[in-house]
Amino acid sequence: MDRLLRPERLDTDPNSSSAAQEWTHWFKTFQSFLAVFPAEGLNKLRVLTNFVSPRVYEAIAECTIYTAPIRILEDLYIKPLNETFAR
């Protein structure tokens, strides 16, 4: 079953127009994948590093806890809306 939920490797360009949409989908898929495994003893940071490309890994290489790379990747892929351009 975990094979069906297994996410693709995150290798999205943060500057692409669909980066936020791709990140959101990938992250939901990754969370579903993690939910299959028992929470006790699971090193989410190690699992995360297996599902990102080397280019993405450069942004999170210094992180030591799981929540830090998630925040970094959210900031990287989800840009604040520029109200002037939106109009």
Protein backbone atom coordinates (compact mmCIF):
# COMPACT_ATOMS: atom_id res chain seq x y z
CA MET A 1 0.00 0.00 0.00
CA ASP A 2 2.81 2.44 0.82
CA ARG A 3 4.06 1.99 -2.73
CA LEU A 4 0.83 3.51 -4.05
CA LEU A 5 1.17 6.53 -1.76
CA ARG A 6 4.87 7.05 -2.45
CA PRO A 7 5.49 10.64 -3.61
CA GLU A 8 7.62 11.57 -6.56
CA ARG A 9 10.93 13.30 -5.90
CA LEU A 10 10.45 17.05 -5.36
CA ASP A 11 12.40 18.76 -8.12
CA THR A 12 10.35 21.86 -8.85
CA ASP A 13 11.87 25.19 -9.78
CA PRO A 14 10.82 27.67 -7.05
CA ASN A 15 10.55 30.41 -9.67
CA SER A 16 8.08 28.58 -11.90
CA SER A 17 4.53 29.86 -12.11
CA SER A 18 3.17 26.55 -10.80
CA ALA A 19 5.67 26.13 -7.94
CA ALA A 20 3.14 26.77 -5.15
CA GLN A 21 0.64 24.36 -6.65
CA GLU A 22 3.27 21.65 -7.15
CA TRP A 23 4.65 22.10 -3.62
CA THR A 24 1.19 21.90 -2.07
CA HIS A 25 0.38 18.71 -3.95
CA TRP A 26 3.76 17.13 -3.23
CA PHE A 27 3.59 17.98 0.47
CA LYS A 28 0.09 16.48 0.85
CA THR A 29 1.29 13.33 -0.93
CA PHE A 30 4.36 13.20 1.33
CA GLN A 31 2.21 13.56 4.47
CA SER A 32 -0.05 10.73 3.29
CA PHE A 33 3.03 8.59 2.69
CA LEU A 34 4.34 9.27 6.20
CA ALA A 35 0.97 8.42 7.74
CA VAL A 36 1.33 4.82 6.58
CA PHE A 37 4.35 4.25 8.82
CA PRO A 38 4.27 3.93 12.60
CA ALA A 39 5.06 7.34 14.15
CA GLU A 40 7.27 5.89 16.86
CA GLY A 41 10.91 5.77 15.78
CA LEU A 42 10.26 7.32 12.36
CA ASN A 43 12.89 9.90 11.41
CA LYS A 44 10.84 12.18 9.16
CA LEU A 45 13.85 14.32 8.27
CA ARG A 46 15.71 11.34 6.81
CA VAL A 47 12.65 10.27 4.87
CA LEU A 48 12.23 13.82 3.56
CA THR A 49 15.80 13.98 2.28
CA ASN A 50 15.15 10.84 0.24
CA PHE A 51 12.28 12.50 -1.59
CA VAL A 52 13.89 15.77 -2.66
CA SER A 53 16.33 16.38 -5.50
CA PRO A 54 19.93 17.44 -4.81
CA ARG A 55 19.03 20.97 -5.91
CA VAL A 56 16.22 21.18 -3.34
CA TYR A 57 18.37 19.48 -0.70
CA GLU A 58 20.86 22.35 -0.85
CA ALA A 59 18.20 24.62 0.69
CA ILE A 60 17.56 22.30 3.64
CA ALA A 61 20.93 20.62 4.17
CA GLU A 62 21.67 22.42 7.45
CA CYS A 63 18.38 21.46 9.13
CA THR A 64 18.46 19.12 12.09
CA ILE A 65 14.74 18.82 12.92
CA TYR A 66 11.85 17.97 10.61
CA THR A 67 9.84 21.18 11.00
CA ALA A 68 12.70 23.45 9.88
CA PRO A 69 12.98 22.20 6.28
CA ILE A 70 9.21 22.24 5.90
CA ARG A 71 9.15 25.94 6.82
CA ILE A 72 12.07 26.66 4.49
CA LEU A 73 10.43 24.85 1.58
CA GLU A 74 7.09 26.57 2.19
CA ASP A 75 8.83 29.95 2.15
CA LEU A 76 10.72 28.94 -0.98
CA TYR A 77 7.73 27.70 -2.98
CA ILE A 78 4.80 29.73 -1.68
CA LYS A 79 5.44 33.36 -2.48
CA PRO A 80 3.34 36.11 -0.92
CA LEU A 81 0.80 37.54 -3.33
CA ASN A 82 1.78 40.90 -4.80
CA GLU A 83 -1.46 42.87 -4.66
CA THR A 84 -0.31 45.35 -7.30
CA PHE A 85 0.35 42.60 -9.86
CA ALA A 86 -2.80 40.72 -8.84
CA ARG A 87 -4.95 43.65 -9.85
